[in-house]
Amino acid sequence: MHQVFTYRGFEIHVTLTEASPGLYDAVFQIKGGVNVGVIDELGAETKLRKGPFSPQKAFLSAQQAGQTAIDAVIGDDES
């Protein structure tokens, strides 16, 4: 399963692979944005730890991890 989330001008691509019946491992990758240096830093595929997860939990956790990575590199805009 694959889903794309948009956040702060970037795309967070999340891919789930079935680890056991009904449970999934999640990998996210950040793409897009105008700052190529940020993509170089964030563009690698990253597997979530502490899995496997239900599909809903996997997508939500990967989306939040991607958002946190973007905020860490370009700064949190909620000051």
C-alpha atoms as a PDB file:
ATOM      1  CA  MET A   1       0.000   0.000   0.000  1.00  0.00           C
ATOM      2  CA  HIS A   2       1.193   3.483  -0.805  1.00  0.00           C
ATOM      3  CA  GLN A   3      -0.019   6.923   0.234  1.00  0.00           C
ATOM      4  CA  VAL A   4       1.346  10.452  -0.243  1.00  0.00           C
ATOM      5  CA  PHE A   5       0.927  13.258   2.300  1.00  0.00           C
ATOM      6  CA  THR A   6       1.720  16.911   1.583  1.00  0.00           C
ATOM      7  CA  TYR A   7       3.399  18.992   4.286  1.00  0.00           C
ATOM      8  CA  ARG A   8       5.083  22.412   4.051  1.00  0.00           C
ATOM      9  CA  GLY A   9       5.698  22.066   0.315  1.00  0.00           C
ATOM     10  CA  PHE A  10       7.101  18.536   0.541  1.00  0.00           C
ATOM     11  CA  GLU A  11       5.601  15.141  -0.190  1.00  0.00           C
ATOM     12  CA  ILE A  12       5.855  12.363   2.365  1.00  0.00           C
ATOM     13  CA  HIS A  13       5.621   9.051   0.508  1.00  0.00           C
ATOM     14  CA  VAL A  14       4.589   6.169   2.767  1.00  0.00           C
ATOM     15  CA  THR A  15       4.772   2.546   1.696  1.00  0.00           C
ATOM     16  CA  LEU A  16       3.421  -0.335   3.762  1.00  0.00           C
ATOM     17  CA  THR A  17       4.519  -3.936   3.365  1.00  0.00           C
ATOM     18  CA  GLU A  18       2.696  -6.765   5.069  1.00  0.00           C
ATOM     19  CA  ALA A  19       4.781  -8.242   7.884  1.00  0.00           C
ATOM     20  CA  SER A  20       2.102 -10.691   9.054  1.00  0.00           C
ATOM     21  CA  PRO A  21      -1.637 -10.990   8.415  1.00  0.00           C
ATOM     22  CA  GLY A  22      -3.161  -7.554   9.062  1.00  0.00           C
ATOM     23  CA  LEU A  23       0.092  -5.975  10.310  1.00  0.00           C
ATOM     24  CA  TYR A  24       2.454  -3.828   8.261  1.00  0.00           C
ATOM     25  CA  ASP A  25       5.938  -2.373   8.318  1.00  0.00           C
ATOM     26  CA  ALA A  26       6.108   1.242   7.165  1.00  0.00           C
ATOM     27  CA  VAL A  27       8.744   3.137   5.202  1.00  0.00           C
ATOM     28  CA  PHE A  28       8.606   6.850   4.418  1.00  0.00           C
ATOM     29  CA  GLN A  29      10.549   9.007   1.986  1.00  0.00           C
ATOM     30  CA  ILE A  30      10.419  12.783   1.597  1.00  0.00           C
ATOM     31  CA  LYS A  31      10.326  14.266  -1.904  1.00  0.00           C
ATOM     32  CA  GLY A  32       9.640  17.624  -3.514  1.00  0.00           C
ATOM     33  CA  GLY A  33      10.124  21.078  -2.095  1.00  0.00           C
ATOM     34  CA  VAL A  34      12.229  23.881  -3.469  1.00  0.00           C
ATOM     35  CA  ASN A  35      15.297  23.415  -1.272  1.00  0.00           C
ATOM     36  CA  VAL A  36      17.432  20.692  -2.879  1.00  0.00           C
ATOM     37  CA  GLY A  37      19.777  20.613   0.120  1.00  0.00           C
ATOM     38  CA  VAL A  38      16.896  19.653   2.371  1.00  0.00           C
ATOM     39  CA  ILE A  39      15.900  16.813   0.064  1.00  0.00           C
ATOM     40  CA  ASP A  40      19.480  15.533   0.041  1.00  0.00           C
ATOM     41  CA  GLU A  41      19.280  15.399   3.823  1.00  0.00           C
ATOM     42  CA  LEU A  42      15.761  13.935   4.032  1.00  0.00           C
ATOM     43  CA  GLY A  43      15.381  11.913   0.827  1.00  0.00           C
ATOM     44  CA  ALA A  44      16.478   8.481   2.006  1.00  0.00           C
ATOM     45  CA  GLU A  45      13.876   5.829   2.725  1.00  0.00           C
ATOM     46  CA  THR A  46      13.385   5.484   6.465  1.00  0.00           C
ATOM     47  CA  LYS A  47      11.769   2.461   8.103  1.00  0.00           C
ATOM     48  CA  LEU A  48       9.694   3.041  11.217  1.00  0.00           C
ATOM     49  CA  ARG A  49      10.785   1.244  14.355  1.00  0.00           C
ATOM     50  CA  LYS A  50       8.564  -0.553  16.878  1.00  0.00           C
ATOM     51  CA  GLY A  51       6.416  -2.195  14.186  1.00  0.00           C
ATOM     52  CA  PRO A  52       4.597  -3.911  12.709  1.00  0.00           C
ATOM     53  CA  PHE A  53       1.449  -1.775  12.902  1.00  0.00           C
ATOM     54  CA  SER A  54      -2.168  -1.811  11.808  1.00  0.00           C
ATOM     55  CA  PRO A  55      -2.547   0.024   8.470  1.00  0.00           C
ATOM     56  CA  GLN A  56      -4.082   3.111  10.083  1.00  0.00           C
ATOM     57  CA  LYS A  57      -1.392   3.334  12.760  1.00  0.00           C
ATOM     58  CA  ALA A  58       1.368   2.740  10.187  1.00  0.00           C
ATOM     59  CA  PHE A  59       0.192   5.550   7.899  1.00  0.00           C
ATOM     60  CA  LEU A  60      -0.332   7.968  10.804  1.00  0.00           C
ATOM     61  CA  SER A  61       3.027   7.198  12.427  1.00  0.00           C
ATOM     62  CA  ALA A  62       4.933   7.513   9.145  1.00  0.00           C
ATOM     63  CA  GLN A  63       3.186  10.800   8.329  1.00  0.00           C
ATOM     64  CA  GLN A  64       4.071  12.207  11.756  1.00  0.00           C
ATOM     65  CA  ALA A  65       7.671  10.996  11.496  1.00  0.00           C
ATOM     66  CA  GLY A  66       8.011  12.651   8.080  1.00  0.00           C
ATOM     67  CA  GLN A  67       6.570  15.912   9.379  1.00  0.00           C
ATOM     68  CA  THR A  68       8.943  15.845  12.343  1.00  0.00           C
ATOM     69  CA  ALA A  69      11.935  15.247  10.048  1.00  0.00           C
ATOM     70  CA  ILE A  70      10.946  18.194   7.846  1.00  0.00           C
ATOM     71  CA  ASP A  71      10.484  20.447  10.894  1.00  0.00           C
ATOM     72  CA  ALA A  72      13.855  19.372  12.307  1.00  0.00           C
ATOM     73  CA  VAL A  73      15.709  20.265   9.116  1.00  0.00           C
ATOM     74  CA  ILE A  74      13.966  23.470   8.017  1.00  0.00           C
ATOM     75  CA  GLY A  75      12.779  24.666  11.425  1.00  0.00           C
ATOM     76  CA  ASP A  76       9.456  24.504  13.176  1.00  0.00           C
ATOM     77  CA  ASP A  77       7.169  27.276  11.891  1.00  0.00           C
ATOM     78  CA  GLU A  78       4.886  27.132  14.952  1.00  0.00           C
ATOM     79  CA  SER A  79       6.820  29.468  17.251  1.00  0.00           C
END
